[in-house]
């Protein structure tokens, strides 16, 4: 698997180093240590394909003007049998290097040879990374934030795999703790409402129609009428639906049991259904996890309290007012925090510490990457401080903090109400817009950037819609190839690619060559938005090429064949990029 950008960069460094050696041997420069110098790709390609600041950084060491140093190096440089054809000195002493035509031909041929593997690298060296994302509260449906987190996390895992890591996807199921207590309380209250005289009347009025019953009870609760609910419970219609379905099967079975027993029975009924729903909805979103890790497993195995014991044994805790506190300030955190309350119940952070200890020690992943909402900003240092106290390298935990999304329709922000249960869920979003658009759009910006999702644009079939624009480039090439075959034009297996020297062809090929580099950078920065940007830029460059360089009416048969193969190479790269994003590659649009 070839990274032609990196290959050229490494060779150029060697070329410059050898020229320096010759200049020193000839007495042109003193035999002193050479400072580090940069090899970079100029934004303005008239300044070359690569540039170096070698002459600038050596000016002090060589006691010479940068331009004079650059001119001397140019005289010493031998570009024969290399990927470069010429070197120029610009301005005060910048050195610009121009790639040979063969390099561009090799790039296209490499894409054609590697096909579905083009872009894959060994950057990750097979290191094991666990990517945890979404991990939505199983007490209700997934909201719009989970939609963004799902797209980012899934595409990030894919990018890491393409970059040579062994990446696994994991969903952490919070099936224990306060949210489950709240879930049970909510279910119990709704169940007792159904068992009441007013609830029985509602069932009769709605003729046991679950959907109508849920809407009726929800409406009356919202208006503070017959079915008013307290503040500290879940108010979504999904809670009413669960108890209505349970009631259909079991009627008054739980009416006269203890509150604890009723809550336990209702949670045991509803929670598995919610978890199944999460998995089903995520599959619809094209997300399949390698692991579903349950918080309850940590409690049942005793790992939660064992973490507290480990911290106590190492002297990192103290007791105050009957509670056990962690000395977080010893690790640079602004304040200590409670591990175990005075009533003996651990706080929510303890199972989280145990969970990450399991990731990095028990299961021995090289890295754990979490995609979390921006509201977890203060939580991360606390978690890392506890891991450090446990002897775990906290740098093995990386967190991608994600800003929330604003939905826009008809130029207006769509208001979401989490408390009322009217928030747009992942499922309702996917009922309104294509899955391709959702996955592509949520990766258009870096995770930590504010983002507006235009619901109207997401369904628009025009070049203004980024995912449509990229998919159209793919379909356009498929149609071109199909039409050429229909007209009896043979699709070549090989061609003289050196004839591709139009500026539009060159800039297109240059972009094809950067895919491995972009994948590595995306993996290094945990930013799959770099891949969507690459795809949009590639589509733009292809459309420019196609509109200015005729394929069917190329000047010569030799150029026709070369341009056909260039189009096939572009199609292949678009396919590869969209497969990373798990977005469809239509052949007709």
Protein backbone atom coordinates (compact mmCIF):
# COMPACT_ATOMS: atom_id res chain seq x y z
CA UNK A 1 0.00 0.00 0.00
CA UNK A 2 1.72 3.13 -1.23
CA UNK A 3 1.60 6.65 0.16
CA UNK A 4 3.06 8.56 -2.77
CA UNK A 5 3.06 11.88 -0.92
CA UNK A 6 5.09 10.44 1.95
CA UNK A 7 7.31 8.53 -0.47
CA UNK A 8 8.16 11.74 -2.35
CA UNK A 9 8.66 13.69 0.89
CA UNK A 10 11.09 11.11 2.29
CA UNK A 11 13.00 10.96 -0.97
CA UNK A 12 13.25 14.74 -1.14
CA UNK A 13 14.69 14.89 2.38
CA UNK A 14 17.30 12.37 1.30
CA UNK A 15 18.07 14.37 -1.87
CA UNK A 16 18.63 17.57 0.13
CA UNK A 17 20.72 15.78 2.75
CA UNK A 18 22.97 14.29 0.06
CA UNK A 19 23.37 17.71 -1.59
CA UNK A 20 24.38 19.19 1.78
CA UNK A 21 26.98 16.45 2.14
CA UNK A 22 28.44 17.24 -1.28
CA UNK A 23 28.55 20.97 -0.52
CA UNK A 24 30.36 20.36 2.77
CA UNK A 25 32.81 17.96 1.07
CA UNK A 26 33.54 20.60 -1.60
CA UNK A 27 34.18 23.22 1.07
CA UNK A 28 31.17 25.34 0.11
CA UNK A 29 29.66 24.98 3.62
CA UNK A 30 31.35 24.38 6.99
CA UNK A 31 31.09 20.95 8.60
CA UNK A 32 28.59 21.89 11.32
CA UNK A 33 25.39 20.36 12.61
CA UNK A 34 22.50 21.04 10.25
CA UNK A 35 19.32 22.31 11.97
CA UNK A 36 16.02 20.53 11.41
CA UNK A 37 14.31 21.63 8.22
CA UNK A 38 10.82 21.26 6.82
CA UNK A 39 9.46 19.59 3.72
CA UNK A 40 6.00 20.90 2.96
CA UNK A 41 3.40 21.13 0.21
CA UNK A 42 2.85 24.75 -0.95
CA UNK A 43 -0.72 26.00 -1.12
CA UNK A 44 0.14 27.70 -4.42
CA UNK A 45 1.22 24.94 -6.79
CA UNK A 46 3.06 27.46 -8.99
CA UNK A 47 5.63 27.35 -6.18
CA UNK A 48 6.18 23.66 -6.81
CA UNK A 49 4.77 20.39 -5.56
CA UNK A 50 7.06 20.47 -2.53
CA UNK A 51 9.10 23.19 -0.86
CA UNK A 52 11.80 23.31 1.80
CA UNK A 53 13.12 25.96 4.17
CA UNK A 54 16.54 24.29 4.35
CA UNK A 55 18.42 27.41 3.19
CA UNK A 56 16.63 29.60 5.72
CA UNK A 57 17.38 27.44 8.74
CA UNK A 58 21.02 26.96 7.73
CA UNK A 59 21.80 30.67 7.26
CA UNK A 60 23.13 31.18 10.79
CA UNK A 61 25.06 27.89 10.93
CA UNK A 62 26.66 28.43 7.52
CA UNK A 63 27.13 32.21 8.03
CA UNK A 64 25.73 32.81 4.60
CA UNK A 65 22.70 34.38 2.90
CA UNK A 66 19.77 31.94 2.47
CA UNK A 67 19.49 32.54 -1.26
CA UNK A 68 23.20 31.83 -1.77
CA UNK A 69 22.83 28.59 0.21
CA UNK A 70 19.78 27.60 -1.85
CA UNK A 71 21.57 28.30 -5.14
CA UNK A 72 24.58 26.25 -4.06
CA UNK A 73 22.35 23.33 -3.05
CA UNK A 74 20.51 23.49 -6.38
CA UNK A 75 23.86 23.08 -8.15
CA UNK A 76 24.71 20.03 -6.03
CA UNK A 77 21.30 18.33 -6.26
CA UNK A 78 21.03 15.34 -8.59
CA UNK A 79 17.41 14.60 -9.57
CA UNK A 80 18.17 11.80 -12.04
CA UNK A 81 16.43 8.52 -11.16
CA UNK A 82 14.21 10.35 -8.65
CA UNK A 83 10.54 11.34 -8.44
CA UNK A 84 11.43 14.98 -9.17
CA UNK A 85 12.25 16.75 -12.42
CA UNK A 86 13.50 20.16 -11.34
CA UNK A 87 14.37 22.48 -8.45
CA UNK A 88 13.97 26.26 -8.35
CA UNK A 89 15.08 28.96 -5.92
CA UNK A 90 12.47 31.59 -5.08
CA UNK A 91 12.46 34.81 -3.11
CA UNK A 92 14.98 35.12 -0.30
CA UNK A 93 15.95 31.47 -0.52
CA UNK A 94 13.00 29.12 -0.63
CA UNK A 95 13.62 25.91 -2.56
CA UNK A 96 10.74 24.64 -4.69
CA UNK A 97 10.67 21.16 -6.18
CA UNK A 98 8.56 19.89 -9.05
CA UNK A 99 7.51 16.25 -9.41
CA UNK A 100 8.14 14.29 -12.57
CA UNK A 101 5.32 13.20 -14.90
CA UNK A 102 6.07 9.61 -13.96
CA UNK A 103 5.08 10.31 -10.35
CA UNK A 104 1.60 11.38 -11.46
CA UNK A 105 1.27 8.34 -13.74
CA UNK A 106 2.34 6.06 -10.91
CA UNK A 107 -0.31 7.53 -8.61
CA UNK A 108 -3.13 6.71 -11.05
CA UNK A 109 -1.75 3.24 -11.70
CA UNK A 110 -1.42 2.63 -7.98
CA UNK A 111 -5.10 3.44 -7.44
CA UNK A 112 -6.05 1.09 -10.27
CA UNK A 113 -3.85 -1.68 -8.85
CA UNK A 114 -4.87 -1.39 -5.19
CA UNK A 115 -8.58 -0.83 -5.90
CA UNK A 116 -10.62 -1.22 -2.68
CA UNK A 117 -7.44 -1.10 -0.58
CA UNK A 118 -6.22 2.23 -1.92
CA UNK A 119 -5.81 4.68 0.96
CA UNK A 120 -5.13 2.05 3.64
CA UNK A 121 -1.93 2.60 5.62
CA UNK A 122 0.08 0.99 8.41
CA UNK A 123 0.16 4.16 10.51
CA UNK A 124 -1.46 2.39 13.47
CA UNK A 125 0.89 -0.60 13.43
CA UNK A 126 -1.97 -2.87 14.48
CA UNK A 127 -2.43 -1.20 17.88
CA UNK A 128 -5.74 -1.99 19.56
CA UNK A 129 -8.13 0.93 20.00
CA UNK A 130 -11.54 0.75 21.65
CA UNK A 131 -13.91 3.46 20.41
CA UNK A 132 -16.85 4.03 22.72
CA UNK A 133 -19.62 6.24 21.39
CA UNK A 134 -23.31 7.03 21.77
CA UNK A 135 -23.75 4.96 24.99
CA UNK A 136 -27.19 6.56 25.23
CA UNK A 137 -29.16 6.27 28.43
CA UNK A 138 -31.24 3.07 27.95
CA UNK A 139 -34.21 4.61 29.74
CA UNK A 140 -35.46 6.29 26.57
CA UNK A 141 -34.99 6.79 22.83
CA UNK A 142 -31.86 8.33 21.33
CA UNK A 143 -31.92 12.06 20.69
CA UNK A 144 -30.30 14.23 18.03
CA UNK A 145 -27.00 14.46 19.93
CA UNK A 146 -26.73 10.68 19.74
CA UNK A 147 -27.27 10.94 15.99
CA UNK A 148 -24.19 13.14 15.67
CA UNK A 149 -22.17 11.07 18.13
CA UNK A 150 -23.10 7.89 16.29
CA UNK A 151 -21.95 9.19 12.91
CA UNK A 152 -18.71 10.62 14.33
CA UNK A 153 -17.85 7.54 16.41
CA UNK A 154 -18.63 5.00 13.72
CA UNK A 155 -16.71 6.87 11.02
CA UNK A 156 -13.81 7.47 13.40
CA UNK A 157 -13.55 3.73 14.06
CA UNK A 158 -13.58 3.14 10.30
CA UNK A 159 -10.84 5.74 9.73
CA UNK A 160 -8.71 4.12 12.43
CA UNK A 161 -9.11 0.74 10.75
CA UNK A 162 -8.05 2.20 7.40
CA UNK A 163 -5.04 3.76 9.13
CA UNK A 164 -3.82 0.39 10.30
CA UNK A 165 -5.25 0.20 13.83
CA UNK A 166 -7.30 -2.69 15.17
CA UNK A 167 -10.37 -0.68 16.14
CA UNK A 168 -13.40 -2.01 18.00
CA UNK A 169 -16.71 -0.25 18.56
CA UNK A 170 -18.34 -0.40 21.99
CA UNK A 171 -21.64 0.74 23.52
CA UNK A 172 -21.64 1.19 27.30
CA UNK A 173 -25.07 0.34 28.65
CA UNK A 174 -25.87 2.33 31.81
CA UNK A 175 -28.21 -0.32 33.21
CA UNK A 176 -27.54 0.52 36.87
CA UNK A 177 -27.51 3.56 39.12
CA UNK A 178 -29.69 6.64 39.54
CA UNK A 179 -31.10 6.70 36.01
CA UNK A 180 -32.46 3.18 36.45
CA UNK A 181 -33.98 4.17 39.78
CA UNK A 182 -35.63 7.13 38.05
CA UNK A 183 -36.76 4.85 35.21
CA UNK A 184 -38.38 2.45 37.69
CA UNK A 185 -40.11 5.28 39.53
CA UNK A 186 -41.47 6.68 36.24
CA UNK A 187 -42.80 3.29 35.15
CA UNK A 188 -44.37 2.61 38.53
CA UNK A 189 -46.19 5.96 38.62
CA UNK A 190 -47.56 5.48 35.11
CA UNK A 191 -48.62 1.91 35.90
CA UNK A 192 -50.51 2.99 39.01
CA UNK A 193 -52.16 5.73 36.97
CA UNK A 194 -53.48 3.05 34.59
CA UNK A 195 -54.73 1.01 37.52
CA UNK A 196 -56.58 4.01 38.95
CA UNK A 197 -60.21 4.83 38.20
CA UNK A 198 -59.15 7.65 35.86
CA UNK A 199 -56.71 5.34 34.12
CA UNK A 200 -59.36 2.68 33.62
CA UNK A 201 -61.67 5.31 32.17
CA UNK A 202 -58.89 6.39 29.77
CA UNK A 203 -58.40 2.78 28.67
CA UNK A 204 -62.15 2.44 28.08
CA UNK A 205 -62.36 5.77 26.21
CA UNK A 206 -59.45 4.80 23.94
CA UNK A 207 -60.77 1.27 23.38
CA UNK A 208 -57.38 -0.12 24.52
CA UNK A 209 -55.71 1.56 21.51
CA UNK A 210 -52.15 1.93 22.89
CA UNK A 211 -51.15 4.84 20.68
CA UNK A 212 -54.33 6.77 21.41
CA UNK A 213 -54.10 5.95 25.12
CA UNK A 214 -50.50 7.17 25.32
CA UNK A 215 -51.37 10.40 23.54
CA UNK A 216 -54.37 10.99 25.84
CA UNK A 217 -52.49 10.38 29.09
CA UNK A 218 -49.46 12.34 27.91
CA UNK A 219 -51.65 15.29 26.92
CA UNK A 220 -53.40 15.35 30.28
CA UNK A 221 -50.09 15.05 32.13
CA UNK A 222 -48.60 17.93 30.16
CA UNK A 223 -51.58 20.14 30.99
CA UNK A 224 -51.43 19.19 34.68
CA UNK A 225 -54.85 17.58 34.57
CA UNK A 226 -55.75 14.06 35.72
CA UNK A 227 -52.33 12.51 35.17
CA UNK A 228 -49.92 15.03 36.60
CA UNK A 229 -46.35 13.80 37.12
CA UNK A 230 -43.64 15.05 39.51
CA UNK A 231 -40.46 16.78 38.31
CA UNK A 232 -37.97 13.98 39.03
CA UNK A 233 -39.26 11.41 36.53
CA UNK A 234 -39.09 10.69 32.80
CA UNK A 235 -42.04 12.23 30.99
CA UNK A 236 -41.78 10.76 27.48
CA UNK A 237 -44.62 8.86 25.88
CA UNK A 238 -42.32 5.83 25.67
CA UNK A 239 -42.82 5.33 29.43
CA UNK A 240 -46.61 5.29 29.04
CA UNK A 241 -46.33 2.91 26.10
CA UNK A 242 -44.25 0.45 28.14
CA UNK A 243 -46.72 0.32 31.03
CA UNK A 244 -49.69 0.17 28.67
CA UNK A 245 -48.23 -2.89 26.96
CA UNK A 246 -47.31 -4.44 30.31
CA UNK A 247 -50.84 -3.81 31.55
CA UNK A 248 -52.31 -5.50 28.47
CA UNK A 249 -50.43 -8.67 29.37
CA UNK A 250 -50.61 -8.61 33.18
CA UNK A 251 -53.52 -6.28 34.09
CA UNK A 252 -53.53 -5.49 37.87
CA UNK A 253 -50.81 -8.00 38.77
CA UNK A 254 -48.52 -5.35 40.29
CA UNK A 255 -51.12 -3.08 41.86
CA UNK A 256 -50.88 -4.44 45.38
CA UNK A 257 -47.20 -5.46 45.56
CA UNK A 258 -44.54 -3.33 47.25
CA UNK A 259 -43.17 -0.30 45.45
CA UNK A 260 -39.74 -1.94 45.23
CA UNK A 261 -41.17 -5.12 43.71
CA UNK A 262 -43.32 -3.18 41.24
CA UNK A 263 -40.39 -1.07 40.05
CA UNK A 264 -38.15 -4.12 39.72
CA UNK A 265 -40.73 -6.01 37.62
CA UNK A 266 -41.42 -3.06 35.34
CA UNK A 267 -37.71 -2.31 34.81
CA UNK A 268 -37.03 -5.97 34.04
CA UNK A 269 -39.80 -5.80 31.44
CA UNK A 270 -39.04 -2.42 29.86
CA UNK A 271 -35.24 -2.12 30.00
CA UNK A 272 -34.46 -5.09 27.68
CA UNK A 273 -37.00 -3.70 25.20
CA UNK A 274 -35.26 -0.33 25.29
CA UNK A 275 -31.84 -1.88 24.78
CA UNK A 276 -33.18 -3.95 21.87
CA UNK A 277 -34.62 -0.73 20.47
CA UNK A 278 -31.27 1.05 20.77
CA UNK A 279 -29.54 -1.75 18.91
CA UNK A 280 -32.26 -1.88 16.25
CA UNK A 281 -32.22 1.89 15.68
CA UNK A 282 -28.43 1.99 15.48
CA UNK A 283 -28.44 -0.84 12.95
CA UNK A 284 -30.85 1.23 10.87
CA UNK A 285 -28.22 3.98 11.10
CA UNK A 286 -25.68 1.41 9.80
CA UNK A 287 -23.87 1.16 13.13
CA UNK A 288 -22.97 -2.31 14.35
CA UNK A 289 -21.03 -2.61 17.60
CA UNK A 290 -18.42 -5.23 18.40
CA UNK A 291 -19.30 -5.05 22.10
CA UNK A 292 -22.25 -4.08 24.28
CA UNK A 293 -20.78 -3.63 27.76
CA UNK A 294 -23.25 -3.47 30.67
CA UNK A 295 -22.57 -1.36 33.75
CA UNK A 296 -24.44 -3.95 35.84
CA UNK A 297 -21.66 -6.42 35.05
CA UNK A 298 -19.21 -4.25 37.01
CA UNK A 299 -21.49 -4.19 40.04
CA UNK A 300 -22.32 -7.89 39.93
CA UNK A 301 -18.64 -8.89 39.63
CA UNK A 302 -17.63 -6.60 42.49
CA UNK A 303 -15.29 -4.59 40.24
CA UNK A 304 -16.94 -1.30 41.20
CA UNK A 305 -16.10 -1.55 44.91
CA UNK A 306 -12.74 -3.21 44.18
CA UNK A 307 -11.71 0.03 42.47
CA UNK A 308 -12.54 1.92 45.68
CA UNK A 309 -10.50 -0.60 47.68
CA UNK A 310 -7.51 -0.18 45.33
CA UNK A 311 -7.62 3.61 45.75
CA UNK A 312 -7.88 3.28 49.53
CA UNK A 313 -4.98 0.85 49.69
CA UNK A 314 -2.72 3.24 47.78
CA UNK A 315 -3.58 6.15 50.09
CA UNK A 316 -5.50 8.20 47.57
CA UNK A 317 -8.73 8.52 49.59
CA UNK A 318 -9.92 9.97 52.88
CA UNK A 319 -13.16 9.87 54.87
CA UNK A 320 -15.26 12.91 55.66
CA UNK A 321 -18.79 13.03 57.06
CA UNK A 322 -19.05 9.27 56.57
CA UNK A 323 -18.27 9.46 52.83
CA UNK A 324 -15.14 8.26 51.01
CA UNK A 325 -13.44 11.01 49.01
CA UNK A 326 -10.79 10.76 46.27
CA UNK A 327 -7.78 13.10 46.55
CA UNK A 328 -8.19 14.45 43.05
CA UNK A 329 -6.33 17.67 43.90
CA UNK A 330 -3.15 15.60 44.26
CA UNK A 331 -3.40 15.06 40.49
CA UNK A 332 -4.08 18.64 39.43
CA UNK A 333 -7.89 18.53 39.51
CA UNK A 334 -9.52 21.62 41.02
CA UNK A 335 -11.32 19.77 43.81
CA UNK A 336 -11.65 16.35 45.43
CA UNK A 337 -14.77 14.29 44.78
CA UNK A 338 -16.86 11.65 46.53
CA UNK A 339 -16.42 8.00 45.61
CA UNK A 340 -18.83 6.43 48.11
CA UNK A 341 -21.65 8.30 49.83
CA UNK A 342 -22.25 8.08 53.56
CA UNK A 343 -25.03 5.54 52.87
CA UNK A 344 -22.46 3.19 51.31
CA UNK A 345 -23.66 3.69 47.71
CA UNK A 346 -20.92 4.57 45.19
CA UNK A 347 -21.33 7.70 43.08
CA UNK A 348 -21.73 7.45 39.29
CA UNK A 349 -18.01 8.09 38.70
CA UNK A 350 -16.89 4.85 40.41
CA UNK A 351 -18.36 2.42 37.85
CA UNK A 352 -16.99 4.73 35.14
CA UNK A 353 -13.49 4.41 36.64
CA UNK A 354 -13.94 0.64 36.89
CA UNK A 355 -15.14 0.51 33.29
CA UNK A 356 -12.09 2.34 31.96
CA UNK A 357 -9.79 0.26 34.14
CA UNK A 358 -11.40 -2.76 32.48
CA UNK A 359 -10.73 -1.28 29.03
CA UNK A 360 -7.09 -0.40 29.59
CA UNK A 361 -5.92 -3.02 32.08
CA UNK A 362 -8.21 -6.04 32.07
CA UNK A 363 -8.76 -6.05 28.31
CA UNK A 364 -5.43 -4.34 27.66
CA UNK A 365 -6.39 -1.99 24.83
CA UNK A 366 -3.55 0.29 23.72
CA UNK A 367 -5.97 3.20 23.55
CA UNK A 368 -9.49 3.99 24.66
CA UNK A 369 -11.26 6.74 22.71
CA UNK A 370 -14.56 8.14 23.98
CA UNK A 371 -16.89 10.36 21.97
CA UNK A 372 -18.74 12.44 24.57
CA UNK A 373 -20.92 15.52 24.74
CA UNK A 374 -19.22 18.83 25.50
CA UNK A 375 -20.91 18.84 28.92
CA UNK A 376 -18.41 16.15 29.98
CA UNK A 377 -15.55 18.66 29.86
CA UNK A 378 -15.05 18.68 33.64
CA UNK A 379 -15.61 14.94 33.96
CA UNK A 380 -12.58 13.93 31.88
CA UNK A 381 -9.83 15.26 34.22
CA UNK A 382 -11.54 13.56 37.17
CA UNK A 383 -11.61 10.24 35.36
CA UNK A 384 -7.99 10.56 34.25
CA UNK A 385 -6.83 11.49 37.75
CA UNK A 386 -8.39 8.32 39.18
CA UNK A 387 -6.80 6.18 36.46
CA UNK A 388 -3.40 7.71 37.23
CA UNK A 389 -3.87 6.91 40.93
CA UNK A 390 -4.57 3.31 39.91
CA UNK A 391 -1.25 3.14 38.05
CA UNK A 392 -2.81 3.41 34.60
CA UNK A 393 -1.26 5.69 31.97
CA UNK A 394 -4.05 8.26 31.62
CA UNK A 395 -2.67 9.29 28.22
CA UNK A 396 -4.05 5.99 26.95
CA UNK A 397 -7.52 7.54 27.31
CA UNK A 398 -8.44 10.11 24.66
CA UNK A 399 -11.74 11.95 24.62
CA UNK A 400 -13.46 13.60 21.65
CA UNK A 401 -15.78 16.27 23.00
CA UNK A 402 -18.74 16.93 20.76
CA UNK A 403 -20.86 20.06 20.59
CA UNK A 404 -24.61 19.78 20.26
CA UNK A 405 -26.44 20.20 16.96
CA UNK A 406 -28.99 22.82 16.00
CA UNK A 407 -31.62 21.60 13.55
CA UNK A 408 -32.80 24.17 11.03
CA UNK A 409 -35.93 23.97 8.88
CA UNK A 410 -37.12 26.75 6.55
CA UNK A 411 -34.35 28.94 7.95
CA UNK A 412 -35.69 28.59 11.51
CA UNK A 413 -34.10 26.69 14.38
CA UNK A 414 -36.21 23.68 15.35
CA UNK A 415 -36.91 23.91 19.06
CA UNK A 416 -36.33 20.75 21.07
CA UNK A 417 -37.87 20.03 24.44
CA UNK A 418 -36.11 17.25 26.30
CA UNK A 419 -38.32 17.46 29.38
CA UNK A 420 -41.60 17.14 27.53
CA UNK A 421 -40.43 14.16 25.55
CA UNK A 422 -40.92 16.00 22.26
CA UNK A 423 -37.22 16.04 21.32
CA UNK A 424 -36.48 14.83 17.81
CA UNK A 425 -35.12 11.31 18.15
CA UNK A 426 -32.68 9.44 15.94
CA UNK A 427 -35.55 7.43 14.47
CA UNK A 428 -37.74 10.44 13.66
CA UNK A 429 -34.71 12.14 12.06
CA UNK A 430 -34.02 9.11 9.86
CA UNK A 431 -37.69 8.99 8.87
CA UNK A 432 -37.32 12.54 7.57
CA UNK A 433 -33.92 12.54 5.87
CA UNK A 434 -31.82 9.89 4.07
CA UNK A 435 -29.36 7.89 6.16
CA UNK A 436 -26.59 8.88 3.73
CA UNK A 437 -27.28 12.55 4.39
CA UNK A 438 -27.31 12.09 8.18
CA UNK A 439 -24.02 10.18 8.28
CA UNK A 440 -22.30 12.59 5.88
CA UNK A 441 -23.69 15.80 7.39
CA UNK A 442 -22.81 14.95 10.98
CA UNK A 443 -19.21 14.49 9.85
CA UNK A 444 -18.99 17.78 7.95
CA UNK A 445 -17.48 19.66 10.90
CA UNK A 446 -15.01 18.85 13.65
CA UNK A 447 -16.74 17.32 16.66
CA UNK A 448 -15.94 20.28 18.91
CA UNK A 449 -17.48 22.82 16.52
CA UNK A 450 -21.01 24.19 16.67
CA UNK A 451 -23.08 22.73 13.89
CA UNK A 452 -26.34 23.59 12.17
CA UNK A 453 -28.08 20.74 10.38
CA UNK A 454 -30.26 22.07 7.56
CA UNK A 455 -33.10 19.55 7.22
CA UNK A 456 -34.25 21.07 3.92
CA UNK A 457 -30.79 20.94 2.32
CA UNK A 458 -30.27 17.34 3.45
CA UNK A 459 -33.05 16.14 1.15
CA UNK A 460 -32.28 18.50 -1.72
CA UNK A 461 -31.06 16.89 -4.94
CA UNK A 462 -28.62 19.56 -6.04
CA UNK A 463 -24.96 20.47 -5.95
CA UNK A 464 -25.70 22.49 -2.81
CA UNK A 465 -26.21 19.24 -0.92
CA UNK A 466 -22.67 17.96 -0.14
CA UNK A 467 -23.48 14.25 -0.02
CA UNK A 468 -25.53 14.45 -3.23
CA UNK A 469 -22.67 16.36 -4.87
CA UNK A 470 -20.15 13.62 -4.03
CA UNK A 471 -22.49 10.76 -4.93
CA UNK A 472 -23.30 12.47 -8.23
CA UNK A 473 -19.59 12.50 -9.15
CA UNK A 474 -19.52 8.73 -8.63
CA UNK A 475 -22.72 8.20 -10.62
CA UNK A 476 -21.48 10.51 -13.36
CA UNK A 477 -18.40 8.35 -13.89
CA UNK A 478 -20.48 5.16 -13.85
CA UNK A 479 -22.76 6.65 -16.52
CA UNK A 480 -19.78 7.75 -18.59
CA UNK A 481 -18.28 4.25 -18.59
CA UNK A 482 -21.66 2.67 -19.39
CA UNK A 483 -22.26 5.10 -22.28
CA UNK A 484 -18.80 4.51 -23.73
CA UNK A 485 -19.43 0.76 -23.72
CA UNK A 486 -22.84 1.29 -25.36
CA UNK A 487 -21.13 3.27 -28.14
CA UNK A 488 -18.66 0.46 -28.71
CA UNK A 489 -15.68 2.19 -27.14
CA UNK A 490 -13.49 -0.37 -25.42
CA UNK A 491 -12.55 0.28 -21.80
CA UNK A 492 -8.77 -0.18 -21.63
CA UNK A 493 -6.96 -2.17 -18.97
CA UNK A 494 -3.75 -0.19 -19.47
CA UNK A 495 -2.79 3.10 -21.10
CA UNK A 496 0.07 5.56 -21.41
CA UNK A 497 -0.79 7.72 -18.40
CA UNK A 498 2.12 10.10 -19.07
CA UNK A 499 -0.09 11.97 -21.57
CA UNK A 500 -2.21 13.28 -18.70
CA UNK A 501 -0.59 16.71 -18.40
CA UNK A 502 -3.52 19.15 -18.51
CA UNK A 503 -3.51 21.34 -15.34
CA UNK A 504 -6.99 19.99 -14.45
CA UNK A 505 -5.71 16.43 -14.77
CA UNK A 506 -2.62 17.20 -12.70
CA UNK A 507 -4.52 18.79 -9.80
CA UNK A 508 -6.99 15.90 -9.80
CA UNK A 509 -4.22 13.29 -9.67
CA UNK A 510 -2.38 15.24 -7.00
CA UNK A 511 -5.53 15.08 -4.85
CA UNK A 512 -5.87 11.33 -5.41
CA UNK A 513 -2.35 10.95 -4.04
CA UNK A 514 -3.20 12.69 -0.76
CA UNK A 515 -5.81 10.18 0.44
CA UNK A 516 -3.41 8.02 2.54
CA UNK A 517 -2.01 11.19 4.14
CA UNK A 518 -5.53 12.47 4.94
CA UNK A 519 -6.52 9.14 6.45
CA UNK A 520 -3.45 9.17 8.69
CA UNK A 521 -4.12 12.77 9.74
CA UNK A 522 -7.79 12.00 10.37
CA UNK A 523 -6.80 9.05 12.56
CA UNK A 524 -4.13 11.04 14.39
CA UNK A 525 -6.50 13.92 15.21
CA UNK A 526 -9.63 11.76 15.69
CA UNK A 527 -11.38 13.92 13.10
CA UNK A 528 -13.39 12.08 10.41
CA UNK A 529 -14.53 15.49 9.09
CA UNK A 530 -11.25 15.54 7.17
CA UNK A 531 -12.59 12.62 5.12
CA UNK A 532 -15.84 14.36 4.16
CA UNK A 533 -13.85 17.46 3.18
CA UNK A 534 -11.54 15.28 1.09
CA UNK A 535 -14.56 13.74 -0.66
CA UNK A 536 -16.12 17.13 -1.45
CA UNK A 537 -12.82 18.47 -2.76
CA UNK A 538 -12.33 15.36 -4.90
CA UNK A 539 -15.82 15.72 -6.39
CA UNK A 540 -15.14 19.39 -7.13
CA UNK A 541 -11.84 18.63 -8.86
CA UNK A 542 -13.44 15.84 -10.89
CA UNK A 543 -16.32 18.01 -12.07
CA UNK A 544 -13.83 20.73 -13.09
CA UNK A 545 -11.74 18.19 -14.99
CA UNK A 546 -14.75 16.60 -16.67
CA UNK A 547 -16.17 19.95 -17.78
CA UNK A 548 -12.88 21.13 -19.32
CA UNK A 549 -11.20 17.90 -20.53
CA UNK A 550 -13.41 15.91 -22.87
CA UNK A 551 -13.14 12.17 -22.38
CA UNK A 552 -15.22 10.86 -25.28
CA UNK A 553 -13.89 13.48 -27.69
CA UNK A 554 -10.26 13.40 -26.55
CA UNK A 555 -7.78 14.61 -29.19
CA UNK A 556 -6.12 11.20 -29.60
CA UNK A 557 -6.99 7.56 -28.86
CA UNK A 558 -4.03 7.50 -26.49
CA UNK A 559 -5.43 10.43 -24.49
CA UNK A 560 -8.93 8.89 -24.58
CA UNK A 561 -7.67 5.71 -22.94
CA UNK A 562 -5.65 7.62 -20.34
CA UNK A 563 -8.61 9.79 -19.40
CA UNK A 564 -10.90 6.78 -19.12
CA UNK A 565 -8.50 5.18 -16.66
CA UNK A 566 -8.19 8.45 -14.74
CA UNK A 567 -12.00 8.54 -14.40
CA UNK A 568 -12.02 4.93 -13.19
CA UNK A 569 -9.32 5.80 -10.63
CA UNK A 570 -11.38 8.75 -9.37
CA UNK A 571 -14.47 6.54 -9.12
CA UNK A 572 -12.46 4.02 -7.11
CA UNK A 573 -11.25 6.66 -4.65
CA UNK A 574 -14.77 8.08 -4.22
CA UNK A 575 -15.98 4.54 -3.54
CA UNK A 576 -13.26 4.03 -0.94
CA UNK A 577 -13.95 7.32 0.80
CA UNK A 578 -17.71 6.77 0.91
CA UNK A 579 -17.14 3.25 2.23
CA UNK A 580 -15.17 4.75 5.14
CA UNK A 581 -18.20 6.93 5.88
CA UNK A 582 -20.55 3.97 5.22
CA UNK A 583 -22.46 6.05 2.67
CA UNK A 584 -23.99 4.50 -0.44
CA UNK A 585 -22.25 4.79 -3.85
CA UNK A 586 -25.10 5.01 -6.38
CA UNK A 587 -24.35 4.24 -10.02
CA UNK A 588 -27.35 6.20 -11.29
CA UNK A 589 -28.90 9.41 -9.99
